[in-house]
């Protein structure tokens, strides 16, 4: 059988310790990680690429389930806009020598242009 270890504390001490711990944990400020401007720009490009890919995926999914003709046209426009943004960010990432191999297998409708 397991034994339970009990520590005897006065209620006022216990509540103060717990309250102090919770206050220090909740009010603790996060110190931002300092990055040099080049790394910060690379991180922003990768975050924007992730966001653009997610937007493109959502637009494609919405297009697949659209039934109204007006919505179909809208989602075609949305897909085209998301693709254009995605292609721009890929081009920008390559110019900065950022590894984009994880982003190159995305289906783009019109691949006539070289990115």
PDB file of N, CA and C in Angstrom:
ATOM      1  N   UNK A   1       0.823  -1.167   0.000  1.00  0.00           N
ATOM      2  CA  UNK A   1       0.000   0.000   0.000  1.00  0.00           C
ATOM      3  C   UNK A   1       0.878   1.244   0.000  1.00  0.00           C
ATOM      4  N   UNK A   2       0.345   2.247  -0.637  1.00  0.00           N
ATOM      5  CA  UNK A   2       1.067   3.508  -0.698  1.00  0.00           C
ATOM      6  C   UNK A   2       0.830   4.301   0.572  1.00  0.00           C
ATOM      7  N   UNK A   3       1.872   4.946   1.035  1.00  0.00           N
ATOM      8  CA  UNK A   3       1.759   5.784   2.216  1.00  0.00           C
ATOM      9  C   UNK A   3       1.640   7.230   1.770  1.00  0.00           C
ATOM     10  N   UNK A   4       0.828   7.967   2.458  1.00  0.00           N
ATOM     11  CA  UNK A   4       0.629   9.375   2.148  1.00  0.00           C
ATOM     12  C   UNK A   4       1.373  10.195   3.176  1.00  0.00           C
ATOM     13  N   UNK A   5       2.195  11.107   2.688  1.00  0.00           N
ATOM     14  CA  UNK A   5       2.957  11.976   3.561  1.00  0.00           C
ATOM     15  C   UNK A   5       2.170  13.261   3.746  1.00  0.00           C
ATOM     16  N   UNK A   6       1.880  13.590   4.961  1.00  0.00           N
ATOM     17  CA  UNK A   6       1.114  14.791   5.260  1.00  0.00           C
ATOM     18  C   UNK A   6       2.052  15.808   5.892  1.00  0.00           C
ATOM     19  N   UNK A   7       1.987  17.021   5.376  1.00  0.00           N
ATOM     20  CA  UNK A   7       2.760  18.100   5.974  1.00  0.00           C
ATOM     21  C   UNK A   7       1.772  19.042   6.619  1.00  0.00           C
ATOM     22  N   UNK A   8       2.046  19.334   7.884  1.00  0.00           N
ATOM     23  CA  UNK A   8       1.130  20.173   8.625  1.00  0.00           C
ATOM     24  C   UNK A   8       1.529  21.630   8.456  1.00  0.00           C
ATOM     25  N   UNK A   9       0.583  22.429   7.945  1.00  0.00           N
ATOM     26  CA  UNK A   9       0.823  23.859   7.795  1.00  0.00           C
ATOM     27  C   UNK A   9      -0.386  24.595   8.327  1.00  0.00           C
ATOM     28  N   UNK A  10      -0.143  25.761   8.825  1.00  0.00           N
ATOM     29  CA  UNK A  10      -1.249  26.586   9.280  1.00  0.00           C
ATOM     30  C   UNK A  10      -2.008  27.083   8.052  1.00  0.00           C
ATOM     31  N   UNK A  11      -3.314  27.196   8.103  1.00  0.00           N
ATOM     32  CA  UNK A  11      -4.089  27.644   6.946  1.00  0.00           C
ATOM     33  C   UNK A  11      -3.636  28.990   6.382  1.00  0.00           C
ATOM     34  N   UNK A  12      -3.273  29.907   7.249  1.00  0.00           N
ATOM     35  CA  UNK A  12      -2.861  31.220   6.745  1.00  0.00           C
ATOM     36  C   UNK A  12      -1.546  31.123   5.982  1.00  0.00           C
ATOM     37  N   UNK A  13      -0.616  30.282   6.461  1.00  0.00           N
ATOM     38  CA  UNK A  13       0.652  30.109   5.760  1.00  0.00           C
ATOM     39  C   UNK A  13       0.426  29.450   4.403  1.00  0.00           C
ATOM     40  N   UNK A  14      -0.413  28.417   4.380  1.00  0.00           N
ATOM     41  CA  UNK A  14      -0.690  27.674   3.151  1.00  0.00           C
ATOM     42  C   UNK A  14      -1.307  28.581   2.089  1.00  0.00           C
ATOM     43  N   UNK A  15      -2.308  29.339   2.479  1.00  0.00           N
ATOM     44  CA  UNK A  15      -2.974  30.193   1.503  1.00  0.00           C
ATOM     45  C   UNK A  15      -2.036  31.291   1.022  1.00  0.00           C
ATOM     46  N   UNK A  16      -1.198  31.820   1.865  1.00  0.00           N
ATOM     47  CA  UNK A  16      -0.250  32.845   1.446  1.00  0.00           C
ATOM     48  C   UNK A  16       0.782  32.272   0.483  1.00  0.00           C
ATOM     49  N   UNK A  17       1.295  31.091   0.779  1.00  0.00           N
ATOM     50  CA  UNK A  17       2.280  30.475  -0.105  1.00  0.00           C
ATOM     51  C   UNK A  17       1.672  30.180  -1.472  1.00  0.00           C
ATOM     52  N   UNK A  18       0.491  29.627  -1.465  1.00  0.00           N
ATOM     53  CA  UNK A  18      -0.176  29.319  -2.722  1.00  0.00           C
ATOM     54  C   UNK A  18      -0.515  30.593  -3.484  1.00  0.00           C
ATOM     55  N   UNK A  19      -1.025  31.580  -2.776  1.00  0.00           N
ATOM     56  CA  UNK A  19      -1.367  32.853  -3.405  1.00  0.00           C
ATOM     57  C   UNK A  19      -0.124  33.526  -3.978  1.00  0.00           C
ATOM     58  N   UNK A  20       0.974  33.498  -3.219  1.00  0.00           N
ATOM     59  CA  UNK A  20       2.222  34.099  -3.707  1.00  0.00           C
ATOM     60  C   UNK A  20       2.717  33.378  -4.954  1.00  0.00           C
ATOM     61  N   UNK A  21       2.648  32.046  -4.929  1.00  0.00           N
ATOM     62  CA  UNK A  21       3.088  31.279  -6.088  1.00  0.00           C
ATOM     63  C   UNK A  21       2.240  31.598  -7.313  1.00  0.00           C
ATOM     64  N   UNK A  22       0.914  31.609  -7.128  1.00  0.00           N
ATOM     65  CA  UNK A  22       0.031  31.907  -8.249  1.00  0.00           C
ATOM     66  C   UNK A  22       0.235  33.324  -8.760  1.00  0.00           C
ATOM     67  N   UNK A  23       0.397  34.266  -7.875  1.00  0.00           N
ATOM     68  CA  UNK A  23       0.626  35.648  -8.298  1.00  0.00           C
ATOM     69  C   UNK A  23       1.925  35.783  -9.073  1.00  0.00           C
ATOM     70  N   UNK A  24       2.972  35.138  -8.601  1.00  0.00           N
ATOM     71  CA  UNK A  24       4.253  35.244  -9.309  1.00  0.00           C
ATOM     72  C   UNK A  24       4.182  34.542 -10.668  1.00  0.00           C
ATOM     73  N   UNK A  25       3.433  33.454 -10.727  1.00  0.00           N
ATOM     74  CA  UNK A  25       3.303  32.725 -11.990  1.00  0.00           C
ATOM     75  C   UNK A  25       2.467  33.508 -13.004  1.00  0.00           C
ATOM     76  N   UNK A  26       1.371  34.090 -12.542  1.00  0.00           N
ATOM     77  CA  UNK A  26       0.461  34.806 -13.428  1.00  0.00           C
ATOM     78  C   UNK A  26       1.064  36.131 -13.886  1.00  0.00           C
ATOM     79  N   UNK A  27       1.723  36.827 -12.994  1.00  0.00           N
ATOM     80  CA  UNK A  27       2.229  38.153 -13.333  1.00  0.00           C
ATOM     81  C   UNK A  27       3.626  38.129 -13.952  1.00  0.00           C
ATOM     82  N   UNK A  28       4.180  36.959 -14.110  1.00  0.00           N
ATOM     83  CA  UNK A  28       5.516  36.853 -14.695  1.00  0.00           C
ATOM     84  C   UNK A  28       5.475  37.373 -16.127  1.00  0.00           C
ATOM     85  N   UNK A  29       6.362  38.279 -16.423  1.00  0.00           N
ATOM     86  CA  UNK A  29       6.407  38.849 -17.758  1.00  0.00           C
ATOM     87  C   UNK A  29       7.324  38.008 -18.635  1.00  0.00           C
ATOM     88  N   UNK A  30       6.873  37.811 -19.844  1.00  0.00           N
ATOM     89  CA  UNK A  30       7.689  37.064 -20.797  1.00  0.00           C
ATOM     90  C   UNK A  30       8.689  38.030 -21.415  1.00  0.00           C
ATOM     91  N   UNK A  31       9.926  37.628 -21.382  1.00  0.00           N
ATOM     92  CA  UNK A  31      10.938  38.469 -22.016  1.00  0.00           C
ATOM     93  C   UNK A  31      11.067  38.034 -23.467  1.00  0.00           C
ATOM     94  N   UNK A  32      10.916  38.974 -24.384  1.00  0.00           N
ATOM     95  CA  UNK A  32      10.991  38.611 -25.788  1.00  0.00           C
ATOM     96  C   UNK A  32      12.410  38.161 -26.166  1.00  0.00           C
ATOM     97  N   UNK A  33      12.455  37.185 -27.035  1.00  0.00           N
ATOM     98  CA  UNK A  33      13.739  36.703 -27.527  1.00  0.00           C
ATOM     99  C   UNK A  33      14.244  37.719 -28.534  1.00  0.00           C
ATOM    100  N   UNK A  34      15.457  38.168 -28.323  1.00  0.00           N
ATOM    101  CA  UNK A  34      16.013  39.168 -29.221  1.00  0.00           C
ATOM    102  C   UNK A  34      16.673  38.466 -30.395  1.00  0.00           C
ATOM    103  N   UNK A  35      16.225  38.827 -31.588  1.00  0.00           N
ATOM    104  CA  UNK A  35      16.797  38.271 -32.811  1.00  0.00           C
ATOM    105  C   UNK A  35      17.386  39.403 -33.613  1.00  0.00           C
ATOM    106  N   UNK A  36      18.394  39.059 -34.365  1.00  0.00           N
ATOM    107  CA  UNK A  36      18.919  40.073 -35.263  1.00  0.00           C
ATOM    108  C   UNK A  36      17.889  40.296 -36.377  1.00  0.00           C
ATOM    109  N   UNK A  37      17.913  41.455 -36.999  1.00  0.00           N
ATOM    110  CA  UNK A  37      16.882  41.801 -37.996  1.00  0.00           C
ATOM    111  C   UNK A  37      16.762  40.795 -39.142  1.00  0.00           C
ATOM    112  N   UNK A  38      17.864  40.199 -39.550  1.00  0.00           N
ATOM    113  CA  UNK A  38      17.811  39.237 -40.663  1.00  0.00           C
ATOM    114  C   UNK A  38      17.038  37.985 -40.273  1.00  0.00           C
ATOM    115  N   UNK A  39      17.322  37.455 -39.087  1.00  0.00           N
ATOM    116  CA  UNK A  39      16.595  36.262 -38.630  1.00  0.00           C
ATOM    117  C   UNK A  39      15.137  36.566 -38.367  1.00  0.00           C
ATOM    118  N   UNK A  40      14.855  37.763 -37.854  1.00  0.00           N
ATOM    119  CA  UNK A  40      13.478  38.160 -37.613  1.00  0.00           C
ATOM    120  C   UNK A  40      12.711  38.210 -38.934  1.00  0.00           C
ATOM    121  N   UNK A  41      13.344  38.751 -39.973  1.00  0.00           N
ATOM    122  CA  UNK A  41      12.692  38.823 -41.281  1.00  0.00           C
ATOM    123  C   UNK A  41      12.430  37.427 -41.845  1.00  0.00           C
ATOM    124  N   UNK A  42      13.386  36.515 -41.672  1.00  0.00           N
ATOM    125  CA  UNK A  42      13.196  35.141 -42.140  1.00  0.00           C
ATOM    126  C   UNK A  42      12.044  34.466 -41.403  1.00  0.00           C
ATOM    127  N   UNK A  43      11.976  34.663 -40.091  1.00  0.00           N
ATOM    128  CA  UNK A  43      10.879  34.089 -39.309  1.00  0.00           C
ATOM    129  C   UNK A  43       9.533  34.644 -39.762  1.00  0.00           C
ATOM    130  N   UNK A  44       9.484  35.940 -40.034  1.00  0.00           N
ATOM    131  CA  UNK A  44       8.239  36.553 -40.493  1.00  0.00           C
ATOM    132  C   UNK A  44       7.816  36.000 -41.846  1.00  0.00           C
ATOM    133  N   UNK A  45       8.779  35.806 -42.739  1.00  0.00           N
ATOM    134  CA  UNK A  45       8.454  35.252 -44.058  1.00  0.00           C
ATOM    135  C   UNK A  45       7.904  33.844 -43.901  1.00  0.00           C
ATOM    136  N   UNK A  46       8.529  33.024 -43.054  1.00  0.00           N
ATOM    137  CA  UNK A  46       8.045  31.645 -42.851  1.00  0.00           C
ATOM    138  C   UNK A  46       6.661  31.633 -42.197  1.00  0.00           C
ATOM    139  N   UNK A  47       6.433  32.522 -41.236  1.00  0.00           N
ATOM    140  CA  UNK A  47       5.105  32.609 -40.621  1.00  0.00           C
ATOM    141  C   UNK A  47       4.057  33.022 -41.650  1.00  0.00           C
ATOM    142  N   UNK A  48       4.406  34.000 -42.486  1.00  0.00           N
ATOM    143  CA  UNK A  48       3.478  34.442 -43.524  1.00  0.00           C
ATOM    144  C   UNK A  48       3.234  33.344 -44.552  1.00  0.00           C
ATOM    145  N   UNK A  49       4.267  32.559 -44.866  1.00  0.00           N
ATOM    146  CA  UNK A  49       4.082  31.429 -45.787  1.00  0.00           C
ATOM    147  C   UNK A  49       3.124  30.405 -45.195  1.00  0.00           C
ATOM    148  N   UNK A  50       3.293  30.099 -43.923  1.00  0.00           N
ATOM    149  CA  UNK A  50       2.372  29.160 -43.256  1.00  0.00           C
ATOM    150  C   UNK A  50       0.947  29.681 -43.280  1.00  0.00           C
ATOM    151  N   UNK A  51       0.790  30.961 -42.984  1.00  0.00           N
ATOM    152  CA  UNK A  51      -0.539  31.571 -42.984  1.00  0.00           C
ATOM    153  C   UNK A  51      -1.141  31.561 -44.389  1.00  0.00           C
ATOM    154  N   UNK A  52      -0.322  31.869 -45.398  1.00  0.00           N
ATOM    155  CA  UNK A  52      -0.807  31.889 -46.781  1.00  0.00           C
ATOM    156  C   UNK A  52      -1.198  30.487 -47.240  1.00  0.00           C
ATOM    157  N   UNK A  53      -0.436  29.484 -46.820  1.00  0.00           N
ATOM    158  CA  UNK A  53      -0.781  28.101 -47.183  1.00  0.00           C
ATOM    159  C   UNK A  53      -2.100  27.697 -46.538  1.00  0.00           C
ATOM    160  N   UNK A  54      -2.276  28.086 -45.292  1.00  0.00           N
ATOM    161  CA  UNK A  54      -3.533  27.781 -44.594  1.00  0.00           C
ATOM    162  C   UNK A  54      -4.712  28.482 -45.276  1.00  0.00           C
ATOM    163  N   UNK A  55      -4.511  29.746 -45.671  1.00  0.00           N
ATOM    164  CA  UNK A  55      -5.564  30.482 -46.375  1.00  0.00           C
ATOM    165  C   UNK A  55      -5.903  29.804 -47.701  1.00  0.00           C
ATOM    166  N   UNK A  56      -4.881  29.336 -48.404  1.00  0.00           N
ATOM    167  CA  UNK A  56      -5.100  28.647 -49.675  1.00  0.00           C
ATOM    168  C   UNK A  56      -5.851  27.339 -49.468  1.00  0.00           C
ATOM    169  N   UNK A  57      -5.480  26.596 -48.436  1.00  0.00           N
ATOM    170  CA  UNK A  57      -6.178  25.342 -48.129  1.00  0.00           C
ATOM    171  C   UNK A  57      -7.648  25.586 -47.790  1.00  0.00           C
ATOM    172  N   UNK A  58      -7.903  26.625 -47.011  1.00  0.00           N
ATOM    173  CA  UNK A  58      -9.284  26.947 -46.627  1.00  0.00           C
ATOM    174  C   UNK A  58     -10.086  27.361 -47.855  1.00  0.00           C
ATOM    175  N   UNK A  59      -9.478  28.187 -48.713  1.00  0.00           N
ATOM    176  CA  UNK A  59     -10.182  28.633 -49.919  1.00  0.00           C
ATOM    177  C   UNK A  59     -10.501  27.449 -50.829  1.00  0.00           C
ATOM    178  N   UNK A  60      -9.560  26.520 -50.977  1.00  0.00           N
ATOM    179  CA  UNK A  60      -9.802  25.322 -51.798  1.00  0.00           C
ATOM    180  C   UNK A  60     -10.913  24.463 -51.201  1.00  0.00           C
ATOM    181  N   UNK A  61     -10.898  24.291 -49.888  1.00  0.00           N
ATOM    182  CA  UNK A  61     -11.940  23.492 -49.236  1.00  0.00           C
ATOM    183  C   UNK A  61     -13.305  24.152 -49.390  1.00  0.00           C
ATOM    184  N   UNK A  62     -13.362  25.461 -49.223  1.00  0.00           N
ATOM    185  CA  UNK A  62     -14.629  26.168 -49.387  1.00  0.00           C
ATOM    186  C   UNK A  62     -15.139  26.061 -50.820  1.00  0.00           C
ATOM    187  N   UNK A  63     -14.230  26.131 -51.781  1.00  0.00           N
ATOM    188  CA  UNK A  63     -14.614  26.009 -53.186  1.00  0.00           C
ATOM    189  C   UNK A  63     -15.230  24.636 -53.462  1.00  0.00           C
ATOM    190  N   UNK A  64     -14.626  23.608 -52.877  1.00  0.00           N
ATOM    191  CA  UNK A  64     -15.108  22.243 -53.097  1.00  0.00           C
ATOM    192  C   UNK A  64     -16.546  22.051 -52.616  1.00  0.00           C
ATOM    193  N   UNK A  65     -16.931  22.771 -51.575  1.00  0.00           N
ATOM    194  CA  UNK A  65     -18.257  22.574 -51.003  1.00  0.00           C
ATOM    195  C   UNK A  65     -19.255  23.666 -51.381  1.00  0.00           C
ATOM    196  N   UNK A  66     -18.824  24.628 -52.178  1.00  0.00           N
ATOM    197  CA  UNK A  66     -19.728  25.712 -52.583  1.00  0.00           C
ATOM    198  C   UNK A  66     -20.774  25.174 -53.556  1.00  0.00           C
ATOM    199  N   UNK A  67     -22.027  25.559 -53.360  1.00  0.00           N
ATOM    200  CA  UNK A  67     -23.103  25.101 -54.231  1.00  0.00           C
ATOM    201  C   UNK A  67     -23.727  26.242 -55.011  1.00  0.00           C
ATOM    202  N   UNK A  68     -23.706  27.419 -54.469  1.00  0.00           N
ATOM    203  CA  UNK A  68     -24.280  28.575 -55.140  1.00  0.00           C
ATOM    204  C   UNK A  68     -23.283  29.127 -56.172  1.00  0.00           C
ATOM    205  N   UNK A  69     -23.781  29.514 -57.329  1.00  0.00           N
ATOM    206  CA  UNK A  69     -22.909  30.003 -58.402  1.00  0.00           C
ATOM    207  C   UNK A  69     -22.119  31.235 -57.967  1.00  0.00           C
ATOM    208  N   UNK A  70     -22.759  32.104 -57.201  1.00  0.00           N
ATOM    209  CA  UNK A  70     -22.074  33.294 -56.704  1.00  0.00           C
ATOM    210  C   UNK A  70     -20.929  32.947 -55.777  1.00  0.00           C
ATOM    211  N   UNK A  71     -21.141  31.949 -54.923  1.00  0.00           N
ATOM    212  CA  UNK A  71     -20.073  31.520 -54.017  1.00  0.00           C
ATOM    213  C   UNK A  71     -18.938  30.845 -54.772  1.00  0.00           C
ATOM    214  N   UNK A  72     -19.268  30.097 -55.815  1.00  0.00           N
ATOM    215  CA  UNK A  72     -18.230  29.453 -56.620  1.00  0.00           C
ATOM    216  C   UNK A  72     -17.310  30.524 -57.207  1.00  0.00           C
ATOM    217  N   UNK A  73     -17.910  31.580 -57.773  1.00  0.00           N
ATOM    218  CA  UNK A  73     -17.109  32.673 -58.331  1.00  0.00           C
ATOM    219  C   UNK A  73     -16.265  33.334 -57.250  1.00  0.00           C
ATOM    220  N   UNK A  74     -16.853  33.551 -56.097  1.00  0.00           N
ATOM    221  CA  UNK A  74     -16.137  34.185 -54.992  1.00  0.00           C
ATOM    222  C   UNK A  74     -14.929  33.340 -54.581  1.00  0.00           C
ATOM    223  N   UNK A  75     -15.116  32.035 -54.428  1.00  0.00           N
ATOM    224  CA  UNK A  75     -14.021  31.182 -53.983  1.00  0.00           C
ATOM    225  C   UNK A  75     -12.941  31.043 -55.057  1.00  0.00           C
ATOM    226  N   UNK A  76     -13.327  31.116 -56.324  1.00  0.00           N
ATOM    227  CA  UNK A  76     -12.304  31.127 -57.380  1.00  0.00           C
ATOM    228  C   UNK A  76     -11.432  32.368 -57.226  1.00  0.00           C
ATOM    229  N   UNK A  77     -12.059  33.502 -56.976  1.00  0.00           N
ATOM    230  CA  UNK A  77     -11.315  34.742 -56.753  1.00  0.00           C
ATOM    231  C   UNK A  77     -10.425  34.613 -55.515  1.00  0.00           C
ATOM    232  N   UNK A  78     -10.970  34.056 -54.443  1.00  0.00           N
ATOM    233  CA  UNK A  78     -10.216  33.901 -53.201  1.00  0.00           C
ATOM    234  C   UNK A  78      -9.016  32.966 -53.393  1.00  0.00           C
ATOM    235  N   UNK A  79      -9.212  31.880 -54.129  1.00  0.00           N
ATOM    236  CA  UNK A  79      -8.117  30.948 -54.412  1.00  0.00           C
ATOM    237  C   UNK A  79      -7.029  31.654 -55.201  1.00  0.00           C
ATOM    238  N   UNK A  80      -7.422  32.395 -56.236  1.00  0.00           N
ATOM    239  CA  UNK A  80      -6.444  33.087 -57.060  1.00  0.00           C
ATOM    240  C   UNK A  80      -5.658  34.104 -56.234  1.00  0.00           C
ATOM    241  N   UNK A  81      -6.341  34.841 -55.364  1.00  0.00           N
ATOM    242  CA  UNK A  81      -5.659  35.812 -54.506  1.00  0.00           C
ATOM    243  C   UNK A  81      -4.689  35.113 -53.550  1.00  0.00           C
ATOM    244  N   UNK A  82      -5.120  33.994 -52.966  1.00  0.00           N
ATOM    245  CA  UNK A  82      -4.261  33.253 -52.034  1.00  0.00           C
ATOM    246  C   UNK A  82      -3.054  32.670 -52.762  1.00  0.00           C
ATOM    247  N   UNK A  83      -3.261  32.180 -53.980  1.00  0.00           N
ATOM    248  CA  UNK A  83      -2.148  31.642 -54.770  1.00  0.00           C
ATOM    249  C   UNK A  83      -1.134  32.728 -55.102  1.00  0.00           C
ATOM    250  N   UNK A  84      -1.621  33.903 -55.474  1.00  0.00           N
ATOM    251  CA  UNK A  84      -0.729  35.008 -55.823  1.00  0.00           C
ATOM    252  C   UNK A  84       0.115  35.412 -54.617  1.00  0.00           C
ATOM    253  N   UNK A  85      -0.521  35.495 -53.464  1.00  0.00           N
ATOM    254  CA  UNK A  85       0.208  35.839 -52.239  1.00  0.00           C
ATOM    255  C   UNK A  85       1.233  34.760 -51.904  1.00  0.00           C
ATOM    256  N   UNK A  86       0.833  33.518 -52.039  1.00  0.00           N
ATOM    257  CA  UNK A  86       1.713  32.392 -51.736  1.00  0.00           C
ATOM    258  C   UNK A  86       2.924  32.390 -52.665  1.00  0.00           C
ATOM    259  N   UNK A  87       2.699  32.605 -53.954  1.00  0.00           N
ATOM    260  CA  UNK A  87       3.794  32.641 -54.915  1.00  0.00           C
ATOM    261  C   UNK A  87       4.744  33.800 -54.626  1.00  0.00           C
ATOM    262  N   UNK A  88       4.197  34.942 -54.256  1.00  0.00           N
ATOM    263  CA  UNK A  88       5.025  36.096 -53.917  1.00  0.00           C
ATOM    264  C   UNK A  88       5.925  35.780 -52.719  1.00  0.00           C
ATOM    265  N   UNK A  89       5.349  35.168 -51.692  1.00  0.00           N
ATOM    266  CA  UNK A  89       6.123  34.851 -50.499  1.00  0.00           C
ATOM    267  C   UNK A  89       7.182  33.787 -50.779  1.00  0.00           C
ATOM    268  N   UNK A  90       6.869  32.819 -51.644  1.00  0.00           N
ATOM    269  CA  UNK A  90       7.875  31.824 -52.031  1.00  0.00           C
ATOM    270  C   UNK A  90       9.048  32.500 -52.738  1.00  0.00           C
ATOM    271  N   UNK A  91       8.733  33.403 -53.633  1.00  0.00           N
ATOM    272  CA  UNK A  91       9.774  34.116 -54.370  1.00  0.00           C
ATOM    273  C   UNK A  91      10.639  34.933 -53.412  1.00  0.00           C
ATOM    274  N   UNK A  92       9.993  35.628 -52.486  1.00  0.00           N
ATOM    275  CA  UNK A  92      10.710  36.440 -51.507  1.00  0.00           C
ATOM    276  C   UNK A  92      11.603  35.566 -50.625  1.00  0.00           C
ATOM    277  N   UNK A  93      11.100  34.402 -50.225  1.00  0.00           N
ATOM    278  CA  UNK A  93      11.879  33.486 -49.390  1.00  0.00           C
ATOM    279  C   UNK A  93      13.101  32.972 -50.140  1.00  0.00           C
ATOM    280  N   UNK A  94      12.930  32.642 -51.394  1.00  0.00           N
ATOM    281  CA  UNK A  94      14.070  32.162 -52.186  1.00  0.00           C
ATOM    282  C   UNK A  94      15.118  33.249 -52.364  1.00  0.00           C
ATOM    283  N   UNK A  95      14.673  34.498 -52.523  1.00  0.00           N
ATOM    284  CA  UNK A  95      15.618  35.613 -52.642  1.00  0.00           C
ATOM    285  C   UNK A  95      16.453  35.770 -51.378  1.00  0.00           C
ATOM    286  N   UNK A  96      15.877  35.420 -50.229  1.00  0.00           N
ATOM    287  CA  UNK A  96      16.573  35.518 -48.946  1.00  0.00           C
ATOM    288  C   UNK A  96      17.288  34.212 -48.582  1.00  0.00           C
ATOM    289  N   UNK A  97      17.329  33.269 -49.519  1.00  0.00           N
ATOM    290  CA  UNK A  97      17.969  31.961 -49.311  1.00  0.00           C
ATOM    291  C   UNK A  97      17.376  31.200 -48.128  1.00  0.00           C
ATOM    292  N   UNK A  98      16.067  31.248 -48.014  1.00  0.00           N
ATOM    293  CA  UNK A  98      15.360  30.508 -46.970  1.00  0.00           C
ATOM    294  C   UNK A  98      14.937  29.166 -47.558  1.00  0.00           C
ATOM    295  N   UNK A  99      15.144  28.101 -46.804  1.00  0.00           N
ATOM    296  CA  UNK A  99      14.773  26.762 -47.244  1.00  0.00           C
ATOM    297  C   UNK A  99      13.242  26.650 -47.298  1.00  0.00           C
ATOM    298  N   UNK A 100      12.703  26.448 -48.506  1.00  0.00           N
ATOM    299  CA  UNK A 100      11.252  26.386 -48.684  1.00  0.00           C
ATOM    300  C   UNK A 100      10.805  25.037 -49.242  1.00  0.00           C
ATOM    301  N   UNK A 101      11.584  23.996 -49.027  1.00  0.00           N
ATOM    302  CA  UNK A 101      11.225  22.686 -49.578  1.00  0.00           C
ATOM    303  C   UNK A 101       9.894  22.176 -49.033  1.00  0.00           C
ATOM    304  N   UNK A 102       9.547  22.552 -47.807  1.00  0.00           N
ATOM    305  CA  UNK A 102       8.265  22.116 -47.228  1.00  0.00           C
ATOM    306  C   UNK A 102       7.078  22.806 -47.877  1.00  0.00           C
ATOM    307  N   UNK A 103       7.329  23.881 -48.589  1.00  0.00           N
ATOM    308  CA  UNK A 103       6.243  24.668 -49.156  1.00  0.00           C
ATOM    309  C   UNK A 103       6.100  24.471 -50.663  1.00  0.00           C
ATOM    310  N   UNK A 104       6.969  23.693 -51.283  1.00  0.00           N
ATOM    311  CA  UNK A 104       6.975  23.590 -52.733  1.00  0.00           C
ATOM    312  C   UNK A 104       5.982  22.574 -53.286  1.00  0.00           C
ATOM    313  N   UNK A 105       5.406  21.734 -52.467  1.00  0.00           N
ATOM    314  CA  UNK A 105       4.486  20.706 -52.941  1.00  0.00           C
ATOM    315  C   UNK A 105       3.028  21.137 -52.858  1.00  0.00           C
ATOM    316  N   UNK A 106       2.800  22.424 -52.908  1.00  0.00           N
ATOM    317  CA  UNK A 106       1.439  22.955 -52.832  1.00  0.00           C
ATOM    318  C   UNK A 106       0.888  23.066 -54.243  1.00  0.00           C
ATOM    319  N   UNK A 107      -0.334  22.581 -54.413  1.00  0.00           N
ATOM    320  CA  UNK A 107      -0.970  22.616 -55.732  1.00  0.00           C
ATOM    321  C   UNK A 107      -1.426  24.033 -56.055  1.00  0.00           C
ATOM    322  N   UNK A 108      -0.900  24.568 -57.151  1.00  0.00           N
ATOM    323  CA  UNK A 108      -1.309  25.879 -57.648  1.00  0.00           C
ATOM    324  C   UNK A 108      -1.945  25.638 -59.006  1.00  0.00           C
ATOM    325  N   UNK A 109      -3.106  26.224 -59.228  1.00  0.00           N
ATOM    326  CA  UNK A 109      -3.832  25.980 -60.487  1.00  0.00           C
ATOM    327  C   UNK A 109      -3.051  26.407 -61.700  1.00  0.00           C
ATOM    328  N   UNK A 110      -2.491  27.607 -61.693  1.00  0.00           N
ATOM    329  CA  UNK A 110      -1.821  28.135 -62.869  1.00  0.00           C
ATOM    330  C   UNK A 110      -0.331  28.192 -62.599  1.00  0.00           C
ATOM    331  N   UNK A 111       0.383  27.234 -63.124  1.00  0.00           N
ATOM    332  CA  UNK A 111       1.831  27.195 -62.911  1.00  0.00           C
ATOM    333  C   UNK A 111       2.586  27.619 -64.175  1.00  0.00           C
ATOM    334  N   UNK A 112       1.958  28.446 -65.004  1.00  0.00           N
ATOM    335  CA  UNK A 112       2.622  28.907 -66.227  1.00  0.00           C
ATOM    336  C   UNK A 112       3.800  29.817 -65.926  1.00  0.00           C
ATOM    337  N   UNK A 113       3.706  30.560 -64.819  1.00  0.00           N
ATOM    338  CA  UNK A 113       4.769  31.480 -64.470  1.00  0.00           C
ATOM    339  C   UNK A 113       5.822  30.758 -63.657  1.00  0.00           C
ATOM    340  N   UNK A 114       7.080  31.078 -63.892  1.00  0.00           N
ATOM    341  CA  UNK A 114       8.172  30.542 -63.099  1.00  0.00           C
ATOM    342  C   UNK A 114       8.272  31.364 -61.823  1.00  0.00           C
ATOM    343  N   UNK A 115       8.257  30.696 -60.708  1.00  0.00           N
ATOM    344  CA  UNK A 115       8.316  31.406 -59.420  1.00  0.00           C
ATOM    345  C   UNK A 115       9.775  31.652 -59.071  1.00  0.00           C
TER     346      UNK A 115
END
